[in-house]
């Protein structure tokens, strides 16, 4: 049975913008902000709460919509 959640990971394209949204917009507090060789480790959480939201920088690649020529159609 699940008894505790420590981190929830959310991939974001802009960590500074995400930090502003979670702190100024939602009222969460910054917990950790550690730069490292593989990127920035940034977490936010509810004041006095135990769950942390981990904001990982990640380039989001959106799927492309196939054109009519690329679609698989029955002929």
N, C-alpha and C. Protein backbone atom coordinates (compact mmCIF):
# COMPACT_ATOMS: atom_id res chain seq x y z
N UNK A 1 0.85 -1.18 0.00
CA UNK A 1 0.00 0.00 0.00
C UNK A 1 0.89 1.24 0.00
N UNK A 2 0.51 2.22 -0.79
CA UNK A 2 1.24 3.47 -0.87
C UNK A 2 0.97 4.29 0.39
N UNK A 3 2.04 4.72 1.06
CA UNK A 3 1.88 5.48 2.30
C UNK A 3 2.49 6.88 2.23
N UNK A 4 3.30 7.16 1.19
CA UNK A 4 3.95 8.46 1.13
C UNK A 4 4.36 8.77 -0.30
N UNK A 5 4.27 10.02 -0.69
CA UNK A 5 4.80 10.49 -1.97
C UNK A 5 5.78 11.60 -1.64
N UNK A 6 7.00 11.48 -2.18
CA UNK A 6 8.01 12.49 -1.90
C UNK A 6 8.15 13.50 -3.03
N UNK A 7 8.23 13.01 -4.28
CA UNK A 7 8.39 13.89 -5.43
C UNK A 7 7.39 13.56 -6.51
N UNK A 8 6.93 14.61 -7.19
CA UNK A 8 6.15 14.49 -8.41
C UNK A 8 6.94 15.26 -9.46
N UNK A 9 7.26 14.61 -10.57
CA UNK A 9 8.09 15.24 -11.59
C UNK A 9 7.24 15.83 -12.71
N UNK A 10 7.56 17.07 -13.05
CA UNK A 10 6.90 17.75 -14.16
C UNK A 10 8.01 18.27 -15.06
N UNK A 11 7.95 17.92 -16.34
CA UNK A 11 8.94 18.42 -17.29
C UNK A 11 8.46 19.77 -17.82
N UNK A 12 9.34 20.76 -17.76
CA UNK A 12 9.00 22.12 -18.19
C UNK A 12 10.05 22.60 -19.18
N UNK A 13 9.68 23.56 -20.01
CA UNK A 13 10.62 24.12 -20.97
C UNK A 13 11.38 25.31 -20.40
N UNK A 14 10.86 25.95 -19.37
CA UNK A 14 11.49 27.13 -18.78
C UNK A 14 11.34 27.05 -17.26
N UNK A 15 12.40 26.69 -16.57
CA UNK A 15 12.32 26.51 -15.12
C UNK A 15 12.05 27.82 -14.39
N UNK A 16 12.60 28.93 -14.86
CA UNK A 16 12.34 30.22 -14.20
C UNK A 16 10.87 30.59 -14.29
N UNK A 17 10.30 30.38 -15.46
CA UNK A 17 8.88 30.68 -15.65
C UNK A 17 8.00 29.74 -14.81
N UNK A 18 8.38 28.46 -14.76
CA UNK A 18 7.64 27.50 -13.94
C UNK A 18 7.72 27.88 -12.46
N UNK A 19 8.90 28.29 -12.01
CA UNK A 19 9.08 28.71 -10.62
C UNK A 19 8.18 29.90 -10.29
N UNK A 20 8.13 30.87 -11.18
CA UNK A 20 7.26 32.04 -10.98
C UNK A 20 5.79 31.63 -10.91
N UNK A 21 5.37 30.72 -11.80
CA UNK A 21 3.99 30.25 -11.81
C UNK A 21 3.63 29.55 -10.50
N UNK A 22 4.47 28.63 -10.06
CA UNK A 22 4.15 27.86 -8.85
C UNK A 22 4.24 28.69 -7.58
N UNK A 23 5.18 29.64 -7.52
CA UNK A 23 5.32 30.44 -6.29
C UNK A 23 4.38 31.64 -6.28
N UNK A 24 4.43 32.46 -7.32
CA UNK A 24 3.59 33.67 -7.36
C UNK A 24 2.14 33.36 -7.70
N UNK A 25 1.92 32.41 -8.60
CA UNK A 25 0.56 32.11 -9.04
C UNK A 25 -0.19 31.16 -8.13
N UNK A 26 0.49 30.10 -7.66
CA UNK A 26 -0.20 29.09 -6.85
C UNK A 26 0.13 29.16 -5.35
N UNK A 27 1.10 29.98 -4.98
CA UNK A 27 1.42 30.13 -3.56
C UNK A 27 2.31 29.04 -2.98
N UNK A 28 2.95 28.25 -3.84
CA UNK A 28 3.88 27.24 -3.32
C UNK A 28 5.20 27.92 -2.96
N UNK A 29 6.05 27.22 -2.24
CA UNK A 29 7.34 27.78 -1.88
C UNK A 29 8.47 27.00 -2.53
N UNK A 30 9.54 27.73 -2.87
CA UNK A 30 10.70 27.08 -3.44
C UNK A 30 11.40 26.29 -2.34
N UNK A 31 11.69 25.02 -2.61
CA UNK A 31 12.35 24.16 -1.63
C UNK A 31 13.83 24.01 -1.93
N UNK A 32 14.13 23.54 -3.14
CA UNK A 32 15.52 23.34 -3.55
C UNK A 32 15.74 23.99 -4.91
N UNK A 33 16.90 24.57 -5.09
CA UNK A 33 17.28 25.14 -6.38
C UNK A 33 18.79 24.97 -6.49
N UNK A 34 19.20 23.83 -7.05
CA UNK A 34 20.61 23.46 -7.06
C UNK A 34 21.07 23.31 -8.51
N UNK A 35 22.02 24.18 -8.94
CA UNK A 35 22.57 24.00 -10.29
C UNK A 35 23.54 22.82 -10.29
N UNK A 36 23.61 22.14 -11.40
CA UNK A 36 24.53 21.01 -11.50
C UNK A 36 25.01 20.82 -12.93
N UNK A 37 25.97 19.94 -13.11
CA UNK A 37 26.52 19.74 -14.46
C UNK A 37 25.51 19.16 -15.45
N UNK A 38 24.52 18.45 -14.95
CA UNK A 38 23.51 17.86 -15.83
C UNK A 38 22.22 18.67 -15.86
N UNK A 39 22.24 19.86 -15.27
CA UNK A 39 21.05 20.70 -15.25
C UNK A 39 20.70 21.14 -13.84
N UNK A 40 19.66 21.87 -13.75
CA UNK A 40 19.20 22.48 -12.50
C UNK A 40 18.19 21.57 -11.81
N UNK A 41 18.37 21.33 -10.53
CA UNK A 41 17.44 20.55 -9.71
C UNK A 41 16.58 21.55 -8.95
N UNK A 42 15.33 21.69 -9.35
CA UNK A 42 14.43 22.71 -8.80
C UNK A 42 13.18 22.05 -8.27
N UNK A 43 12.86 22.29 -6.99
CA UNK A 43 11.63 21.75 -6.43
C UNK A 43 10.84 22.86 -5.74
N UNK A 44 9.52 22.68 -5.76
CA UNK A 44 8.60 23.57 -5.04
C UNK A 44 7.64 22.68 -4.27
N UNK A 45 6.97 23.25 -3.27
CA UNK A 45 6.01 22.48 -2.51
C UNK A 45 5.07 23.37 -1.73
N UNK A 46 4.03 22.76 -1.21
CA UNK A 46 3.07 23.46 -0.36
C UNK A 46 3.78 23.79 0.96
N UNK A 47 3.63 25.03 1.47
CA UNK A 47 4.24 25.35 2.75
C UNK A 47 3.83 24.32 3.82
N UNK A 48 4.80 23.83 4.56
CA UNK A 48 4.61 22.82 5.62
C UNK A 48 4.15 21.46 5.09
N UNK A 49 4.18 21.26 3.78
CA UNK A 49 3.79 19.97 3.20
C UNK A 49 5.02 19.10 2.97
N UNK A 50 4.79 17.82 2.72
CA UNK A 50 5.91 16.91 2.49
C UNK A 50 6.15 16.60 1.01
N UNK A 51 5.16 16.81 0.16
CA UNK A 51 5.30 16.49 -1.26
C UNK A 51 6.03 17.64 -1.96
N UNK A 52 6.98 17.28 -2.81
CA UNK A 52 7.70 18.29 -3.60
C UNK A 52 7.43 18.04 -5.07
N UNK A 53 7.28 19.14 -5.81
CA UNK A 53 7.12 19.06 -7.25
C UNK A 53 8.49 19.36 -7.85
N UNK A 54 9.03 18.41 -8.59
CA UNK A 54 10.33 18.54 -9.21
C UNK A 54 10.12 19.05 -10.63
N UNK A 55 10.68 20.22 -10.94
CA UNK A 55 10.55 20.83 -12.26
C UNK A 55 11.82 20.58 -13.05
N UNK A 56 11.79 19.62 -13.94
CA UNK A 56 12.95 19.30 -14.76
C UNK A 56 12.85 20.00 -16.10
N UNK A 57 13.94 20.64 -16.50
CA UNK A 57 13.98 21.27 -17.82
C UNK A 57 14.06 20.18 -18.86
N UNK A 58 13.20 20.27 -19.85
CA UNK A 58 13.16 19.25 -20.87
C UNK A 58 12.57 19.86 -22.12
N UNK A 59 13.25 19.67 -23.24
CA UNK A 59 12.71 20.16 -24.49
C UNK A 59 11.53 19.28 -24.87
N UNK A 60 10.39 19.89 -25.06
CA UNK A 60 9.20 19.14 -25.40
C UNK A 60 9.10 19.04 -26.92
N UNK A 61 9.00 17.85 -27.42
CA UNK A 61 8.83 17.62 -28.84
C UNK A 61 7.38 17.21 -29.07
N UNK A 62 6.64 18.06 -29.74
CA UNK A 62 5.24 17.78 -30.00
C UNK A 62 5.12 16.85 -31.19
N UNK A 63 4.19 15.91 -31.13
CA UNK A 63 4.01 15.01 -32.28
C UNK A 63 3.49 15.78 -33.47
N UNK A 64 3.88 15.33 -34.64
CA UNK A 64 3.39 15.97 -35.86
C UNK A 64 2.14 15.26 -36.33
N UNK A 65 1.28 16.00 -36.97
CA UNK A 65 0.06 15.44 -37.53
C UNK A 65 0.37 15.02 -38.95
N UNK A 66 0.10 13.76 -39.30
CA UNK A 66 0.42 13.32 -40.67
C UNK A 66 -0.44 14.03 -41.70
N UNK A 67 0.15 14.24 -42.85
CA UNK A 67 -0.59 14.86 -43.95
C UNK A 67 -1.44 13.79 -44.60
N UNK A 68 -2.30 14.17 -45.53
CA UNK A 68 -3.14 13.22 -46.22
C UNK A 68 -2.30 12.19 -46.98
N UNK A 69 -1.16 12.60 -47.51
CA UNK A 69 -0.29 11.69 -48.23
C UNK A 69 0.37 10.67 -47.30
N UNK A 70 0.60 11.07 -46.04
CA UNK A 70 1.27 10.18 -45.07
C UNK A 70 0.28 9.30 -44.32
N UNK A 71 -0.99 9.64 -44.36
CA UNK A 71 -2.00 8.87 -43.61
C UNK A 71 -2.15 7.49 -44.21
N UNK A 72 -2.48 6.56 -43.37
CA UNK A 72 -2.74 5.21 -43.82
C UNK A 72 -4.23 5.11 -44.15
N UNK A 73 -4.56 4.99 -45.40
CA UNK A 73 -5.96 4.96 -45.80
C UNK A 73 -6.23 3.69 -46.59
N UNK A 74 -7.46 3.25 -46.49
CA UNK A 74 -7.88 2.10 -47.29
C UNK A 74 -8.22 2.58 -48.69
N UNK A 75 -7.76 1.86 -49.69
CA UNK A 75 -8.07 2.25 -51.07
C UNK A 75 -8.80 1.15 -51.79
